Amino acid sequence: MTETITEDKTQAIIAVVADVLGLREDELGPDSSMDNVPTWDSVEQIHICLAFERRFGIHLDMEMIATSTSIRALAALIS
């Protein structure tokens, strides 16, 4: 059950990031990040975080925005 919840969270994050970056969801995975997705730059990071906040109702402070630069890091913010 925990694995399914984690997969669901990860897929939800992938959907948000793909939408913001204009990518297909199958172009991203749990290991996708600013380091390996060319269109995920610092400006898009802000857009991703804003979309993340709207989608999940979570407020991100500046430290969270600066350090949540991957699908896994964003998924970890959802309890």
Protein backbone atom coordinates (compact mmCIF):
# COMPACT_ATOMS: atom_id res chain seq x y z
CA MET A 1 0.00 0.00 0.00
CA THR A 2 2.78 2.47 0.88
CA GLU A 3 4.46 1.82 -2.47
CA THR A 4 1.22 2.63 -4.31
CA ILE A 5 0.79 5.87 -2.35
CA THR A 6 4.37 6.84 -3.18
CA GLU A 7 3.86 5.99 -6.85
CA ASP A 8 0.64 8.01 -6.90
CA LYS A 9 2.40 11.01 -5.31
CA THR A 10 5.28 10.74 -7.74
CA GLN A 11 2.92 10.52 -10.72
CA ALA A 12 0.99 13.55 -9.48
CA ILE A 13 4.24 15.54 -9.24
CA ILE A 14 5.28 14.36 -12.70
CA ALA A 15 1.93 15.59 -14.05
CA VAL A 16 2.46 19.05 -12.52
CA VAL A 17 6.04 19.35 -13.76
CA ALA A 18 5.18 18.06 -17.24
CA ASP A 19 2.33 20.55 -17.53
CA VAL A 20 4.51 23.49 -16.50
CA LEU A 21 7.41 22.48 -18.77
CA GLY A 22 5.21 21.56 -21.71
CA LEU A 23 6.45 17.97 -21.74
CA ARG A 24 4.69 14.63 -21.95
CA GLU A 25 4.48 12.83 -18.62
CA ASP A 26 6.37 9.86 -20.06
CA GLU A 27 9.36 12.15 -20.64
CA LEU A 28 9.80 12.52 -16.87
CA GLY A 29 10.38 10.07 -14.05
CA PRO A 30 11.18 9.98 -10.35
CA ASP A 31 14.82 10.90 -11.04
CA SER A 32 14.02 13.92 -13.21
CA SER A 33 15.46 17.16 -11.90
CA MET A 34 16.90 20.52 -12.84
CA ASP A 35 20.17 18.67 -13.45
CA ASN A 36 18.87 16.43 -16.21
CA VAL A 37 15.83 18.15 -17.75
CA PRO A 38 17.11 20.94 -20.03
CA THR A 39 13.91 23.01 -19.90
CA TRP A 40 13.80 22.94 -16.07
CA ASP A 41 15.70 26.12 -15.25
CA SER A 42 15.48 28.54 -12.34
CA VAL A 43 12.56 30.47 -13.83
CA GLU A 44 10.63 27.27 -14.51
CA GLN A 45 11.43 26.14 -10.96
CA ILE A 46 9.40 29.07 -9.67
CA HIS A 47 6.53 28.17 -12.03
CA ILE A 48 6.70 24.52 -10.94
CA CYS A 49 6.61 25.51 -7.27
CA LEU A 50 3.64 27.82 -7.80
CA ALA A 51 1.76 25.07 -9.63
CA PHE A 52 2.76 22.61 -6.88
CA GLU A 53 1.39 24.95 -4.20
CA ARG A 54 -1.92 25.34 -6.07
CA ARG A 55 -2.27 21.61 -6.76
CA PHE A 56 -1.42 20.35 -3.26
CA GLY A 57 -2.36 23.32 -1.07
CA ILE A 58 1.13 23.47 0.42
CA HIS A 59 3.04 26.72 0.97
CA LEU A 60 6.71 26.53 0.02
CA ASP A 61 9.17 28.90 1.63
CA MET A 62 12.29 30.10 -0.20
CA GLU A 63 14.46 27.31 1.22
CA MET A 64 12.00 24.66 0.03
CA ILE A 65 11.88 26.25 -3.42
CA ALA A 66 15.67 26.31 -3.60
CA THR A 67 16.12 22.69 -2.52
CA SER A 68 13.12 20.95 -4.11
CA THR A 69 14.60 20.77 -7.58
CA SER A 70 13.64 17.19 -8.44
CA ILE A 71 10.55 15.03 -8.71
CA ARG A 72 11.66 13.05 -5.64
CA ALA A 73 12.29 16.18 -3.55
CA LEU A 74 8.89 17.61 -4.42
CA ALA A 75 7.17 14.29 -3.67
CA ALA A 76 8.85 14.22 -0.25
CA LEU A 77 7.02 17.46 0.64
CA ILE A 78 3.64 15.74 0.41
CA SER A 79 2.76 13.92 3.60
